[in-house]
């Protein structure tokens, strides 16, 4: 089934460097995204409640964004991206998530991201 691209944006009160560390490092990701994370070269293994899944790091711009592709999506245009945007005027920091889901699962996927971002905010105090 074809997936549809969607985005969410959330303001986060922290420094871009702290936020980026939470998006790219295994220790940062295990604070909010998964129970545990291992990395070997550009392949990240995520662990949740006894389950695991792997994703390849497709793109990383230091301090700005990371893009992963789940192993099950290999060979497709589907990915998930976490990008940091800083408002030029207010200097507010936003985390912009881009992801793909089947049309009837978009709301569920957004709720999952929202839940994870709340964990992220709690972990970094933002």
PDB file of N, CA and C in Angstrom:
ATOM      1  N   UNK A   1       0.838  -1.182   0.000  1.00  0.00           N
ATOM      2  CA  UNK A   1       0.000   0.000   0.000  1.00  0.00           C
ATOM      3  C   UNK A   1       0.884   1.248   0.000  1.00  0.00           C
ATOM      4  N   UNK A   2       0.473   2.248  -0.733  1.00  0.00           N
ATOM      5  CA  UNK A   2       1.249   3.478  -0.850  1.00  0.00           C
ATOM      6  C   UNK A   2       1.148   4.312   0.425  1.00  0.00           C
ATOM      7  N   UNK A   3       2.257   4.945   0.778  1.00  0.00           N
ATOM      8  CA  UNK A   3       2.295   5.793   1.964  1.00  0.00           C
ATOM      9  C   UNK A   3       2.208   7.258   1.562  1.00  0.00           C
ATOM     10  N   UNK A   4       1.739   8.081   2.502  1.00  0.00           N
ATOM     11  CA  UNK A   4       1.559   9.512   2.298  1.00  0.00           C
ATOM     12  C   UNK A   4       2.519  10.256   3.225  1.00  0.00           C
ATOM     13  N   UNK A   5       3.129  11.293   2.694  1.00  0.00           N
ATOM     14  CA  UNK A   5       4.060  12.114   3.479  1.00  0.00           C
ATOM     15  C   UNK A   5       3.275  13.054   4.394  1.00  0.00           C
ATOM     16  N   UNK A   6       3.767  13.201   5.633  1.00  0.00           N
ATOM     17  CA  UNK A   6       3.171  14.175   6.552  1.00  0.00           C
ATOM     18  C   UNK A   6       4.274  14.825   7.378  1.00  0.00           C
ATOM     19  N   UNK A   7       3.963  15.988   7.948  1.00  0.00           N
ATOM     20  CA  UNK A   7       4.913  16.715   8.783  1.00  0.00           C
ATOM     21  C   UNK A   7       4.245  17.172  10.067  1.00  0.00           C
ATOM     22  N   UNK A   8       5.036  17.249  11.112  1.00  0.00           N
ATOM     23  CA  UNK A   8       4.609  17.862  12.364  1.00  0.00           C
ATOM     24  C   UNK A   8       5.712  18.829  12.792  1.00  0.00           C
ATOM     25  N   UNK A   9       5.331  19.849  13.521  1.00  0.00           N
ATOM     26  CA  UNK A   9       6.305  20.832  14.002  1.00  0.00           C
ATOM     27  C   UNK A   9       5.988  21.154  15.452  1.00  0.00           C
ATOM     28  N   UNK A  10       7.020  21.110  16.303  1.00  0.00           N
ATOM     29  CA  UNK A  10       6.849  21.347  17.726  1.00  0.00           C
ATOM     30  C   UNK A  10       7.956  22.265  18.220  1.00  0.00           C
ATOM     31  N   UNK A  11       7.572  23.291  18.985  1.00  0.00           N
ATOM     32  CA  UNK A  11       8.570  24.162  19.605  1.00  0.00           C
ATOM     33  C   UNK A  11       9.201  23.432  20.783  1.00  0.00           C
ATOM     34  N   UNK A  12      10.527  23.571  20.897  1.00  0.00           N
ATOM     35  CA  UNK A  12      11.259  22.924  21.982  1.00  0.00           C
ATOM     36  C   UNK A  12      12.229  23.940  22.571  1.00  0.00           C
ATOM     37  N   UNK A  13      12.179  24.077  23.892  1.00  0.00           N
ATOM     38  CA  UNK A  13      13.036  25.045  24.583  1.00  0.00           C
ATOM     39  C   UNK A  13      14.332  24.375  25.003  1.00  0.00           C
ATOM     40  N   UNK A  14      15.311  24.436  24.124  1.00  0.00           N
ATOM     41  CA  UNK A  14      16.638  23.909  24.415  1.00  0.00           C
ATOM     42  C   UNK A  14      17.600  24.486  23.388  1.00  0.00           C
ATOM     43  N   UNK A  15      18.851  24.151  23.503  1.00  0.00           N
ATOM     44  CA  UNK A  15      19.816  24.619  22.507  1.00  0.00           C
ATOM     45  C   UNK A  15      19.819  23.672  21.313  1.00  0.00           C
ATOM     46  N   UNK A  16      20.134  24.183  20.133  1.00  0.00           N
ATOM     47  CA  UNK A  16      20.188  23.305  18.955  1.00  0.00           C
ATOM     48  C   UNK A  16      21.174  22.153  19.119  1.00  0.00           C
ATOM     49  N   UNK A  17      22.296  22.386  19.797  1.00  0.00           N
ATOM     50  CA  UNK A  17      23.291  21.320  19.938  1.00  0.00           C
ATOM     51  C   UNK A  17      22.786  20.193  20.836  1.00  0.00           C
ATOM     52  N   UNK A  18      22.089  20.531  21.913  1.00  0.00           N
ATOM     53  CA  UNK A  18      21.522  19.494  22.777  1.00  0.00           C
ATOM     54  C   UNK A  18      20.454  18.715  22.025  1.00  0.00           C
ATOM     55  N   UNK A  19      19.593  19.431  21.309  1.00  0.00           N
ATOM     56  CA  UNK A  19      18.530  18.778  20.548  1.00  0.00           C
ATOM     57  C   UNK A  19      19.118  17.855  19.480  1.00  0.00           C
ATOM     58  N   UNK A  20      20.128  18.337  18.755  1.00  0.00           N
ATOM     59  CA  UNK A  20      20.721  17.514  17.703  1.00  0.00           C
ATOM     60  C   UNK A  20      21.328  16.239  18.270  1.00  0.00           C
ATOM     61  N   UNK A  21      21.966  16.347  19.425  1.00  0.00           N
ATOM     62  CA  UNK A  21      22.533  15.155  20.068  1.00  0.00           C
ATOM     63  C   UNK A  21      21.442  14.122  20.355  1.00  0.00           C
ATOM     64  N   UNK A  22      20.251  14.589  20.716  1.00  0.00           N
ATOM     65  CA  UNK A  22      19.132  13.678  20.995  1.00  0.00           C
ATOM     66  C   UNK A  22      18.586  13.031  19.721  1.00  0.00           C
ATOM     67  N   UNK A  23      18.897  13.602  18.568  1.00  0.00           N
ATOM     68  CA  UNK A  23      18.402  13.082  17.298  1.00  0.00           C
ATOM     69  C   UNK A  23      19.374  12.131  16.618  1.00  0.00           C
ATOM     70  N   UNK A  24      20.659  12.217  16.966  1.00  0.00           N
ATOM     71  CA  UNK A  24      21.676  11.472  16.210  1.00  0.00           C
ATOM     72  C   UNK A  24      22.406  10.421  17.044  1.00  0.00           C
ATOM     73  N   UNK A  25      22.573  10.651  18.334  1.00  0.00           N
ATOM     74  CA  UNK A  25      23.383   9.726  19.133  1.00  0.00           C
ATOM     75  C   UNK A  25      22.528   8.603  19.714  1.00  0.00           C
ATOM     76  N   UNK A  26      23.100   7.402  19.840  1.00  0.00           N
ATOM     77  CA  UNK A  26      22.356   6.304  20.461  1.00  0.00           C
ATOM     78  C   UNK A  26      21.874   6.645  21.875  1.00  0.00           C
ATOM     79  N   UNK A  27      22.715   7.309  22.657  1.00  0.00           N
ATOM     80  CA  UNK A  27      22.288   7.645  24.019  1.00  0.00           C
ATOM     81  C   UNK A  27      21.163   8.671  23.998  1.00  0.00           C
ATOM     82  N   UNK A  28      21.232   9.641  23.091  1.00  0.00           N
ATOM     83  CA  UNK A  28      20.169  10.642  22.978  1.00  0.00           C
ATOM     84  C   UNK A  28      18.860  10.030  22.506  1.00  0.00           C
ATOM     85  N   UNK A  29      18.931   9.168  21.498  1.00  0.00           N
ATOM     86  CA  UNK A  29      17.723   8.524  20.973  1.00  0.00           C
ATOM     87  C   UNK A  29      17.084   7.579  21.993  1.00  0.00           C
ATOM     88  N   UNK A  30      17.921   6.950  22.831  1.00  0.00           N
ATOM     89  CA  UNK A  30      17.363   6.025  23.825  1.00  0.00           C
ATOM     90  C   UNK A  30      16.689   6.775  24.982  1.00  0.00           C
ATOM     91  N   UNK A  31      16.872   8.083  25.033  1.00  0.00           N
ATOM     92  CA  UNK A  31      16.179   8.894  26.046  1.00  0.00           C
ATOM     93  C   UNK A  31      14.706   9.086  25.715  1.00  0.00           C
ATOM     94  N   UNK A  32      14.360   9.017  24.409  1.00  0.00           N
ATOM     95  CA  UNK A  32      12.986   9.387  24.034  1.00  0.00           C
ATOM     96  C   UNK A  32      12.383   8.584  22.882  1.00  0.00           C
ATOM     97  N   UNK A  33      13.209   8.030  22.017  1.00  0.00           N
ATOM     98  CA  UNK A  33      12.694   7.413  20.803  1.00  0.00           C
ATOM     99  C   UNK A  33      12.541   5.902  20.923  1.00  0.00           C
ATOM    100  N   UNK A  34      13.448   5.280  21.629  1.00  0.00           N
ATOM    101  CA  UNK A  34      13.437   3.822  21.786  1.00  0.00           C
ATOM    102  C   UNK A  34      13.976   3.481  23.171  1.00  0.00           C
ATOM    103  N   UNK A  35      13.787   2.220  23.570  1.00  0.00           N
ATOM    104  CA  UNK A  35      14.310   1.789  24.869  1.00  0.00           C
ATOM    105  C   UNK A  35      15.831   1.741  24.862  1.00  0.00           C
ATOM    106  N   UNK A  36      16.381   1.323  23.722  1.00  0.00           N
ATOM    107  CA  UNK A  36      17.832   1.244  23.572  1.00  0.00           C
ATOM    108  C   UNK A  36      18.150   1.388  22.087  1.00  0.00           C
ATOM    109  N   UNK A  37      19.349   1.874  21.801  1.00  0.00           N
ATOM    110  CA  UNK A  37      19.768   2.079  20.413  1.00  0.00           C
ATOM    111  C   UNK A  37      21.236   1.698  20.293  1.00  0.00           C
ATOM    112  N   UNK A  38      21.538   0.902  19.264  1.00  0.00           N
ATOM    113  CA  UNK A  38      22.925   0.573  18.932  1.00  0.00           C
ATOM    114  C   UNK A  38      23.196   1.092  17.528  1.00  0.00           C
ATOM    115  N   UNK A  39      24.463   1.388  17.265  1.00  0.00           N
ATOM    116  CA  UNK A  39      24.832   1.874  15.944  1.00  0.00           C
ATOM    117  C   UNK A  39      26.072   1.133  15.465  1.00  0.00           C
ATOM    118  N   UNK A  40      26.054   0.754  14.205  1.00  0.00           N
ATOM    119  CA  UNK A  40      27.215   0.150  13.558  1.00  0.00           C
ATOM    120  C   UNK A  40      27.287   0.750  12.167  1.00  0.00           C
ATOM    121  N   UNK A  41      28.348   1.507  11.931  1.00  0.00           N
ATOM    122  CA  UNK A  41      28.490   2.306  10.717  1.00  0.00           C
ATOM    123  C   UNK A  41      27.288   3.243  10.636  1.00  0.00           C
ATOM    124  N   UNK A  42      26.495   3.172   9.589  1.00  0.00           N
ATOM    125  CA  UNK A  42      25.328   4.047   9.465  1.00  0.00           C
ATOM    126  C   UNK A  42      24.023   3.312   9.708  1.00  0.00           C
ATOM    127  N   UNK A  43      24.090   2.142  10.347  1.00  0.00           N
ATOM    128  CA  UNK A  43      22.883   1.361  10.625  1.00  0.00           C
ATOM    129  C   UNK A  43      22.590   1.432  12.126  1.00  0.00           C
ATOM    130  N   UNK A  44      21.413   1.936  12.430  1.00  0.00           N
ATOM    131  CA  UNK A  44      20.956   2.062  13.809  1.00  0.00           C
ATOM    132  C   UNK A  44      19.989   0.916  14.095  1.00  0.00           C
ATOM    133  N   UNK A  45      20.157   0.259  15.233  1.00  0.00           N
ATOM    134  CA  UNK A  45      19.227  -0.766  15.668  1.00  0.00           C
ATOM    135  C   UNK A  45      18.479  -0.214  16.873  1.00  0.00           C
ATOM    136  N   UNK A  46      17.148  -0.173  16.747  1.00  0.00           N
ATOM    137  CA  UNK A  46      16.278   0.367  17.782  1.00  0.00           C
ATOM    138  C   UNK A  46      15.576  -0.789  18.481  1.00  0.00           C
ATOM    139  N   UNK A  47      15.510  -0.726  19.814  1.00  0.00           N
ATOM    140  CA  UNK A  47      14.885  -1.771  20.618  1.00  0.00           C
ATOM    141  C   UNK A  47      13.712  -1.179  21.395  1.00  0.00           C
ATOM    142  N   UNK A  48      12.560  -1.877  21.319  1.00  0.00           N
ATOM    143  CA  UNK A  48      11.366  -1.513  22.075  1.00  0.00           C
ATOM    144  C   UNK A  48      10.751  -2.776  22.645  1.00  0.00           C
ATOM    145  N   UNK A  49      10.585  -2.848  23.951  1.00  0.00           N
ATOM    146  CA  UNK A  49       9.866  -3.953  24.601  1.00  0.00           C
ATOM    147  C   UNK A  49      10.151  -5.315  23.970  1.00  0.00           C
ATOM    148  N   UNK A  50      11.394  -5.632  23.743  1.00  0.00           N
ATOM    149  CA  UNK A  50      11.758  -6.933  23.187  1.00  0.00           C
ATOM    150  C   UNK A  50      11.747  -6.995  21.669  1.00  0.00           C
ATOM    151  N   UNK A  51      11.202  -5.985  20.996  1.00  0.00           N
ATOM    152  CA  UNK A  51      11.231  -5.926  19.531  1.00  0.00           C
ATOM    153  C   UNK A  51      12.420  -5.084  19.095  1.00  0.00           C
ATOM    154  N   UNK A  52      12.845  -5.287  17.866  1.00  0.00           N
ATOM    155  CA  UNK A  52      13.913  -4.458  17.327  1.00  0.00           C
ATOM    156  C   UNK A  52      13.662  -4.187  15.854  1.00  0.00           C
ATOM    157  N   UNK A  53      14.192  -3.066  15.399  1.00  0.00           N
ATOM    158  CA  UNK A  53      14.106  -2.702  13.988  1.00  0.00           C
ATOM    159  C   UNK A  53      15.357  -1.916  13.645  1.00  0.00           C
ATOM    160  N   UNK A  54      15.747  -1.969  12.393  1.00  0.00           N
ATOM    161  CA  UNK A  54      16.939  -1.249  11.968  1.00  0.00           C
ATOM    162  C   UNK A  54      16.567  -0.164  10.969  1.00  0.00           C
ATOM    163  N   UNK A  55      17.376   0.878  10.994  1.00  0.00           N
ATOM    164  CA  UNK A  55      17.215   1.985  10.054  1.00  0.00           C
ATOM    165  C   UNK A  55      18.600   2.455   9.645  1.00  0.00           C
ATOM    166  N   UNK A  56      18.709   2.856   8.392  1.00  0.00           N
ATOM    167  CA  UNK A  56      19.968   3.384   7.871  1.00  0.00           C
ATOM    168  C   UNK A  56      19.931   4.904   7.923  1.00  0.00           C
ATOM    169  N   UNK A  57      21.025   5.495   8.388  1.00  0.00           N
ATOM    170  CA  UNK A  57      21.153   6.944   8.373  1.00  0.00           C
ATOM    171  C   UNK A  57      21.443   7.352   6.934  1.00  0.00           C
ATOM    172  N   UNK A  58      20.485   8.023   6.296  1.00  0.00           N
ATOM    173  CA  UNK A  58      20.637   8.432   4.901  1.00  0.00           C
ATOM    174  C   UNK A  58      21.326   9.777   4.761  1.00  0.00           C
ATOM    175  N   UNK A  59      21.094  10.646   5.745  1.00  0.00           N
ATOM    176  CA  UNK A  59      21.584  12.016   5.625  1.00  0.00           C
ATOM    177  C   UNK A  59      21.714  12.608   7.014  1.00  0.00           C
ATOM    178  N   UNK A  60      22.765  13.377   7.199  1.00  0.00           N
ATOM    179  CA  UNK A  60      22.958  14.079   8.460  1.00  0.00           C
ATOM    180  C   UNK A  60      23.659  15.395   8.173  1.00  0.00           C
ATOM    181  N   UNK A  61      23.029  16.477   8.579  1.00  0.00           N
ATOM    182  CA  UNK A  61      23.672  17.793   8.503  1.00  0.00           C
ATOM    183  C   UNK A  61      23.871  18.240   9.934  1.00  0.00           C
ATOM    184  N   UNK A  62      25.126  18.293  10.345  1.00  0.00           N
ATOM    185  CA  UNK A  62      25.475  18.542  11.748  1.00  0.00           C
ATOM    186  C   UNK A  62      24.720  19.743  12.306  1.00  0.00           C
ATOM    187  N   UNK A  63      24.045  19.500  13.408  1.00  0.00           N
ATOM    188  CA  UNK A  63      23.319  20.557  14.087  1.00  0.00           C
ATOM    189  C   UNK A  63      22.005  20.931  13.441  1.00  0.00           C
ATOM    190  N   UNK A  64      21.620  20.222  12.366  1.00  0.00           N
ATOM    191  CA  UNK A  64      20.442  20.648  11.628  1.00  0.00           C
ATOM    192  C   UNK A  64      19.408  19.544  11.416  1.00  0.00           C
ATOM    193  N   UNK A  65      19.806  18.437  10.812  1.00  0.00           N
ATOM    194  CA  UNK A  65      18.811  17.413  10.491  1.00  0.00           C
ATOM    195  C   UNK A  65      19.439  16.030  10.364  1.00  0.00           C
ATOM    196  N   UNK A  66      18.582  15.033  10.550  1.00  0.00           N
ATOM    197  CA  UNK A  66      18.943  13.641  10.307  1.00  0.00           C
ATOM    198  C   UNK A  66      17.802  12.989   9.546  1.00  0.00           C
ATOM    199  N   UNK A  67      18.170  12.103   8.633  1.00  0.00           N
ATOM    200  CA  UNK A  67      17.165  11.364   7.854  1.00  0.00           C
ATOM    201  C   UNK A  67      17.516   9.893   7.901  1.00  0.00           C
ATOM    202  N   UNK A  68      16.531   9.096   8.296  1.00  0.00           N
ATOM    203  CA  UNK A  68      16.678   7.650   8.392  1.00  0.00           C
ATOM    204  C   UNK A  68      15.706   6.961   7.441  1.00  0.00           C
ATOM    205  N   UNK A  69      16.052   5.718   7.088  1.00  0.00           N
ATOM    206  CA  UNK A  69      15.122   4.879   6.344  1.00  0.00           C
ATOM    207  C   UNK A  69      15.067   3.519   7.031  1.00  0.00           C
ATOM    208  N   UNK A  70      13.844   3.106   7.393  1.00  0.00           N
ATOM    209  CA  UNK A  70      13.671   1.791   7.989  1.00  0.00           C
ATOM    210  C   UNK A  70      14.087   0.722   6.994  1.00  0.00           C
ATOM    211  N   UNK A  71      14.627  -0.373   7.486  1.00  0.00           N
ATOM    212  CA  UNK A  71      15.080  -1.458   6.606  1.00  0.00           C
ATOM    213  C   UNK A  71      13.938  -1.978   5.741  1.00  0.00           C
ATOM    214  N   UNK A  72      12.724  -2.010   6.275  1.00  0.00           N
ATOM    215  CA  UNK A  72      11.569  -2.498   5.497  1.00  0.00           C
ATOM    216  C   UNK A  72      11.210  -1.563   4.345  1.00  0.00           C
ATOM    217  N   UNK A  73      11.681  -0.320   4.389  1.00  0.00           N
ATOM    218  CA  UNK A  73      11.395   0.647   3.326  1.00  0.00           C
ATOM    219  C   UNK A  73      12.532   0.783   2.316  1.00  0.00           C
ATOM    220  N   UNK A  74      13.580  -0.026   2.489  1.00  0.00           N
ATOM    221  CA  UNK A  74      14.721   0.042   1.577  1.00  0.00           C
ATOM    222  C   UNK A  74      14.256  -0.138   0.127  1.00  0.00           C
ATOM    223  N   UNK A  75      14.762   0.708  -0.746  1.00  0.00           N
ATOM    224  CA  UNK A  75      14.384   0.646  -2.154  1.00  0.00           C
ATOM    225  C   UNK A  75      13.133   1.445  -2.477  1.00  0.00           C
ATOM    226  N   UNK A  76      12.585   2.144  -1.479  1.00  0.00           N
ATOM    227  CA  UNK A  76      11.407   2.988  -1.681  1.00  0.00           C
ATOM    228  C   UNK A  76      11.806   4.449  -1.410  1.00  0.00           C
ATOM    229  N   UNK A  77      10.927   5.384  -1.715  1.00  0.00           N
ATOM    230  CA  UNK A  77      11.234   6.785  -1.402  1.00  0.00           C
ATOM    231  C   UNK A  77      10.875   7.170   0.035  1.00  0.00           C
ATOM    232  N   UNK A  78      10.496   6.211   0.887  1.00  0.00           N
ATOM    233  CA  UNK A  78      10.023   6.507   2.230  1.00  0.00           C
ATOM    234  C   UNK A  78      11.179   6.631   3.220  1.00  0.00           C
ATOM    235  N   UNK A  79      11.046   7.578   4.134  1.00  0.00           N
ATOM    236  CA  UNK A  79      12.062   7.855   5.151  1.00  0.00           C
ATOM    237  C   UNK A  79      11.383   8.571   6.307  1.00  0.00           C
ATOM    238  N   UNK A  80      12.136   8.814   7.370  1.00  0.00           N
ATOM    239  CA  UNK A  80      11.674   9.761   8.387  1.00  0.00           C
ATOM    240  C   UNK A  80      12.826  10.697   8.696  1.00  0.00           C
ATOM    241  N   UNK A  81      12.471  11.952   8.859  1.00  0.00           N
ATOM    242  CA  UNK A  81      13.477  13.002   9.033  1.00  0.00           C
ATOM    243  C   UNK A  81      13.112  13.838  10.247  1.00  0.00           C
ATOM    244  N   UNK A  82      14.141  14.223  10.985  1.00  0.00           N
ATOM    245  CA  UNK A  82      13.988  15.114  12.126  1.00  0.00           C
ATOM    246  C   UNK A  82      14.899  16.304  11.875  1.00  0.00           C
ATOM    247  N   UNK A  83      14.295  17.484  11.748  1.00  0.00           N
ATOM    248  CA  UNK A  83      15.059  18.687  11.410  1.00  0.00           C
ATOM    249  C   UNK A  83      14.837  19.768  12.458  1.00  0.00           C
ATOM    250  N   UNK A  84      15.878  20.520  12.705  1.00  0.00           N
ATOM    251  CA  UNK A  84      15.825  21.632  13.651  1.00  0.00           C
ATOM    252  C   UNK A  84      15.705  22.920  12.849  1.00  0.00           C
ATOM    253  N   UNK A  85      14.676  23.702  13.177  1.00  0.00           N
ATOM    254  CA  UNK A  85      14.512  25.010  12.534  1.00  0.00           C
ATOM    255  C   UNK A  85      14.550  26.082  13.604  1.00  0.00           C
ATOM    256  N   UNK A  86      15.295  27.149  13.321  1.00  0.00           N
ATOM    257  CA  UNK A  86      15.413  28.263  14.257  1.00  0.00           C
ATOM    258  C   UNK A  86      14.798  29.485  13.600  1.00  0.00           C
ATOM    259  N   UNK A  87      13.809  30.077  14.265  1.00  0.00           N
ATOM    260  CA  UNK A  87      13.158  31.275  13.747  1.00  0.00           C
ATOM    261  C   UNK A  87      14.147  32.439  13.798  1.00  0.00           C
ATOM    262  N   UNK A  88      14.329  33.114  12.666  1.00  0.00           N
ATOM    263  CA  UNK A  88      15.298  34.209  12.582  1.00  0.00           C
ATOM    264  C   UNK A  88      14.968  35.361  13.527  1.00  0.00           C
ATOM    265  N   UNK A  89      13.696  35.658  13.717  1.00  0.00           N
ATOM    266  CA  UNK A  89      13.304  36.791  14.558  1.00  0.00           C
ATOM    267  C   UNK A  89      13.235  36.444  16.032  1.00  0.00           C
ATOM    268  N   UNK A  90      12.537  35.364  16.361  1.00  0.00           N
ATOM    269  CA  UNK A  90      12.304  35.040  17.772  1.00  0.00           C
ATOM    270  C   UNK A  90      13.365  34.119  18.363  1.00  0.00           C
ATOM    271  N   UNK A  91      14.136  33.467  17.501  1.00  0.00           N
ATOM    272  CA  UNK A  91      15.144  32.484  17.906  1.00  0.00           C
ATOM    273  C   UNK A  91      14.526  31.245  18.542  1.00  0.00           C
ATOM    274  N   UNK A  92      13.217  31.060  18.381  1.00  0.00           N
ATOM    275  CA  UNK A  92      12.571  29.850  18.875  1.00  0.00           C
ATOM    276  C   UNK A  92      13.047  28.654  18.054  1.00  0.00           C
ATOM    277  N   UNK A  93      13.168  27.533  18.741  1.00  0.00           N
ATOM    278  CA  UNK A  93      13.650  26.310  18.101  1.00  0.00           C
ATOM    279  C   UNK A  93      12.471  25.360  17.907  1.00  0.00           C
ATOM    280  N   UNK A  94      12.338  24.881  16.685  1.00  0.00           N
ATOM    281  CA  UNK A  94      11.271  23.929  16.374  1.00  0.00           C
ATOM    282  C   UNK A  94      11.890  22.636  15.868  1.00  0.00           C
ATOM    283  N   UNK A  95      11.274  21.532  16.263  1.00  0.00           N
ATOM    284  CA  UNK A  95      11.630  20.230  15.729  1.00  0.00           C
ATOM    285  C   UNK A  95      10.573  19.881  14.688  1.00  0.00           C
ATOM    286  N   UNK A  96      11.021  19.699  13.450  1.00  0.00           N
ATOM    287  CA  UNK A  96      10.107  19.370  12.352  1.00  0.00           C
ATOM    288  C   UNK A  96      10.332  17.907  11.985  1.00  0.00           C
ATOM    289  N   UNK A  97       9.267  17.129  12.088  1.00  0.00           N
ATOM    290  CA  UNK A  97       9.306  15.712  11.757  1.00  0.00           C
ATOM    291  C   UNK A  97       8.636  15.519  10.404  1.00  0.00           C
ATOM    292  N   UNK A  98       9.317  14.824   9.509  1.00  0.00           N
ATOM    293  CA  UNK A  98       8.733  14.412   8.240  1.00  0.00           C
ATOM    294  C   UNK A  98       8.727  12.892   8.236  1.00  0.00           C
ATOM    295  N   UNK A  99       7.579  12.319   7.927  1.00  0.00           N
ATOM    296  CA  UNK A  99       7.450  10.869   7.947  1.00  0.00           C
ATOM    297  C   UNK A  99       6.427  10.457   6.900  1.00  0.00           C
ATOM    298  N   UNK A 100       6.290   9.166   6.719  1.00  0.00           N
ATOM    299  CA  UNK A 100       5.332   8.602   5.767  1.00  0.00           C
ATOM    300  C   UNK A 100       4.507   7.544   6.480  1.00  0.00           C
ATOM    301  N   UNK A 101       3.223   7.480   6.147  1.00  0.00           N
ATOM    302  CA  UNK A 101       2.343   6.450   6.690  1.00  0.00           C
ATOM    303  C   UNK A 101       1.227   6.192   5.691  1.00  0.00           C
ATOM    304  N   UNK A 102       0.625   5.025   5.821  1.00  0.00           N
ATOM    305  CA  UNK A 102      -0.545   4.753   5.001  1.00  0.00           C
ATOM    306  C   UNK A 102      -1.633   5.742   5.409  1.00  0.00           C
ATOM    307  N   UNK A 103      -2.455   6.133   4.454  1.00  0.00           N
ATOM    308  CA  UNK A 103      -3.416   7.211   4.689  1.00  0.00           C
ATOM    309  C   UNK A 103      -4.287   6.991   5.918  1.00  0.00           C
ATOM    310  N   UNK A 104      -4.715   5.768   6.143  1.00  0.00           N
ATOM    311  CA  UNK A 104      -5.581   5.496   7.291  1.00  0.00           C
ATOM    312  C   UNK A 104      -4.804   5.376   8.606  1.00  0.00           C
ATOM    313  N   UNK A 105      -3.481   5.536   8.553  1.00  0.00           N
ATOM    314  CA  UNK A 105      -2.653   5.448   9.763  1.00  0.00           C
ATOM    315  C   UNK A 105      -1.934   6.757  10.089  1.00  0.00           C
ATOM    316  N   UNK A 106      -2.204   7.817   9.346  1.00  0.00           N
ATOM    317  CA  UNK A 106      -1.501   9.087   9.559  1.00  0.00           C
ATOM    318  C   UNK A 106      -1.771   9.659  10.948  1.00  0.00           C
ATOM    319  N   UNK A 107      -3.027   9.697  11.379  1.00  0.00           N
ATOM    320  CA  UNK A 107      -3.341  10.262  12.694  1.00  0.00           C
ATOM    321  C   UNK A 107      -2.663   9.469  13.804  1.00  0.00           C
ATOM    322  N   UNK A 108      -2.647   8.154  13.685  1.00  0.00           N
ATOM    323  CA  UNK A 108      -1.979   7.305  14.677  1.00  0.00           C
ATOM    324  C   UNK A 108      -0.470   7.588  14.690  1.00  0.00           C
ATOM    325  N   UNK A 109       0.115   7.750  13.512  1.00  0.00           N
ATOM    326  CA  UNK A 109       1.549   8.043  13.421  1.00  0.00           C
ATOM    327  C   UNK A 109       1.861   9.404  14.040  1.00  0.00           C
ATOM    328  N   UNK A 110       1.006  10.395  13.792  1.00  0.00           N
ATOM    329  CA  UNK A 110       1.209  11.720  14.390  1.00  0.00           C
ATOM    330  C   UNK A 110       1.122  11.656  15.906  1.00  0.00           C
ATOM    331  N   UNK A 111       0.168  10.872  16.417  1.00  0.00           N
ATOM    332  CA  UNK A 111       0.043  10.721  17.872  1.00  0.00           C
ATOM    333  C   UNK A 111       1.272  10.045  18.474  1.00  0.00           C
ATOM    334  N   UNK A 112       1.827   9.070  17.773  1.00  0.00           N
ATOM    335  CA  UNK A 112       3.036   8.408  18.250  1.00  0.00           C
ATOM    336  C   UNK A 112       4.202   9.398  18.300  1.00  0.00           C
ATOM    337  N   UNK A 113       4.354  10.191  17.252  1.00  0.00           N
ATOM    338  CA  UNK A 113       5.412  11.209  17.257  1.00  0.00           C
ATOM    339  C   UNK A 113       5.186  12.210  18.392  1.00  0.00           C
ATOM    340  N   UNK A 114       3.941  12.631  18.575  1.00  0.00           N
ATOM    341  CA  UNK A 114       3.625  13.587  19.641  1.00  0.00           C
ATOM    342  C   UNK A 114       4.000  13.020  21.009  1.00  0.00           C
ATOM    343  N   UNK A 115       3.684  11.757  21.235  1.00  0.00           N
ATOM    344  CA  UNK A 115       4.034  11.100  22.494  1.00  0.00           C
ATOM    345  C   UNK A 115       5.548  11.049  22.674  1.00  0.00           C
ATOM    346  N   UNK A 116       6.256  10.672  21.626  1.00  0.00           N
ATOM    347  CA  UNK A 116       7.720  10.616  21.705  1.00  0.00           C
ATOM    348  C   UNK A 116       8.317  11.991  21.942  1.00  0.00           C
ATOM    349  N   UNK A 117       7.771  13.018  21.304  1.00  0.00           N
ATOM    350  CA  UNK A 117       8.302  14.377  21.480  1.00  0.00           C
ATOM    351  C   UNK A 117       8.059  14.863  22.904  1.00  0.00           C
ATOM    352  N   UNK A 118       6.956  14.449  23.526  1.00  0.00           N
ATOM    353  CA  UNK A 118       6.738  14.792  24.930  1.00  0.00           C
ATOM    354  C   UNK A 118       7.817  14.151  25.807  1.00  0.00           C
ATOM    355  N   UNK A 119       8.195  12.907  25.498  1.00  0.00           N
ATOM    356  CA  UNK A 119       9.292  12.242  26.214  1.00  0.00           C
ATOM    357  C   UNK A 119      10.600  12.993  25.996  1.00  0.00           C
ATOM    358  N   UNK A 120      10.823  13.454  24.774  1.00  0.00           N
ATOM    359  CA  UNK A 120      12.029  14.221  24.452  1.00  0.00           C
ATOM    360  C   UNK A 120      12.072  15.507  25.266  1.00  0.00           C
ATOM    361  N   UNK A 121      10.964  16.229  25.291  1.00  0.00           N
ATOM    362  CA  UNK A 121      10.902  17.482  26.059  1.00  0.00           C
ATOM    363  C   UNK A 121      11.194  17.223  27.538  1.00  0.00           C
ATOM    364  N   UNK A 122      10.634  16.159  28.072  1.00  0.00           N
ATOM    365  CA  UNK A 122      10.870  15.816  29.470  1.00  0.00           C
ATOM    366  C   UNK A 122      12.341  15.491  29.702  1.00  0.00           C
ATOM    367  N   UNK A 123      12.943  14.735  28.769  1.00  0.00           N
ATOM    368  CA  UNK A 123      14.338  14.307  28.925  1.00  0.00           C
ATOM    369  C   UNK A 123      15.304  15.483  28.900  1.00  0.00           C
ATOM    370  N   UNK A 124      15.002  16.500  28.089  1.00  0.00           N
ATOM    371  CA  UNK A 124      15.924  17.636  27.982  1.00  0.00           C
ATOM    372  C   UNK A 124      15.457  18.861  28.768  1.00  0.00           C
ATOM    373  N   UNK A 125      14.312  18.732  29.416  1.00  0.00           N
ATOM    374  CA  UNK A 125      13.804  19.841  30.206  1.00  0.00           C
ATOM    375  C   UNK A 125      13.275  20.971  29.347  1.00  0.00           C
ATOM    376  N   UNK A 126      12.861  20.655  28.120  1.00  0.00           N
ATOM    377  CA  UNK A 126      12.396  21.703  27.204  1.00  0.00           C
ATOM    378  C   UNK A 126      10.933  21.619  26.971  1.00  0.00           C
TER     379      UNK A 126
END
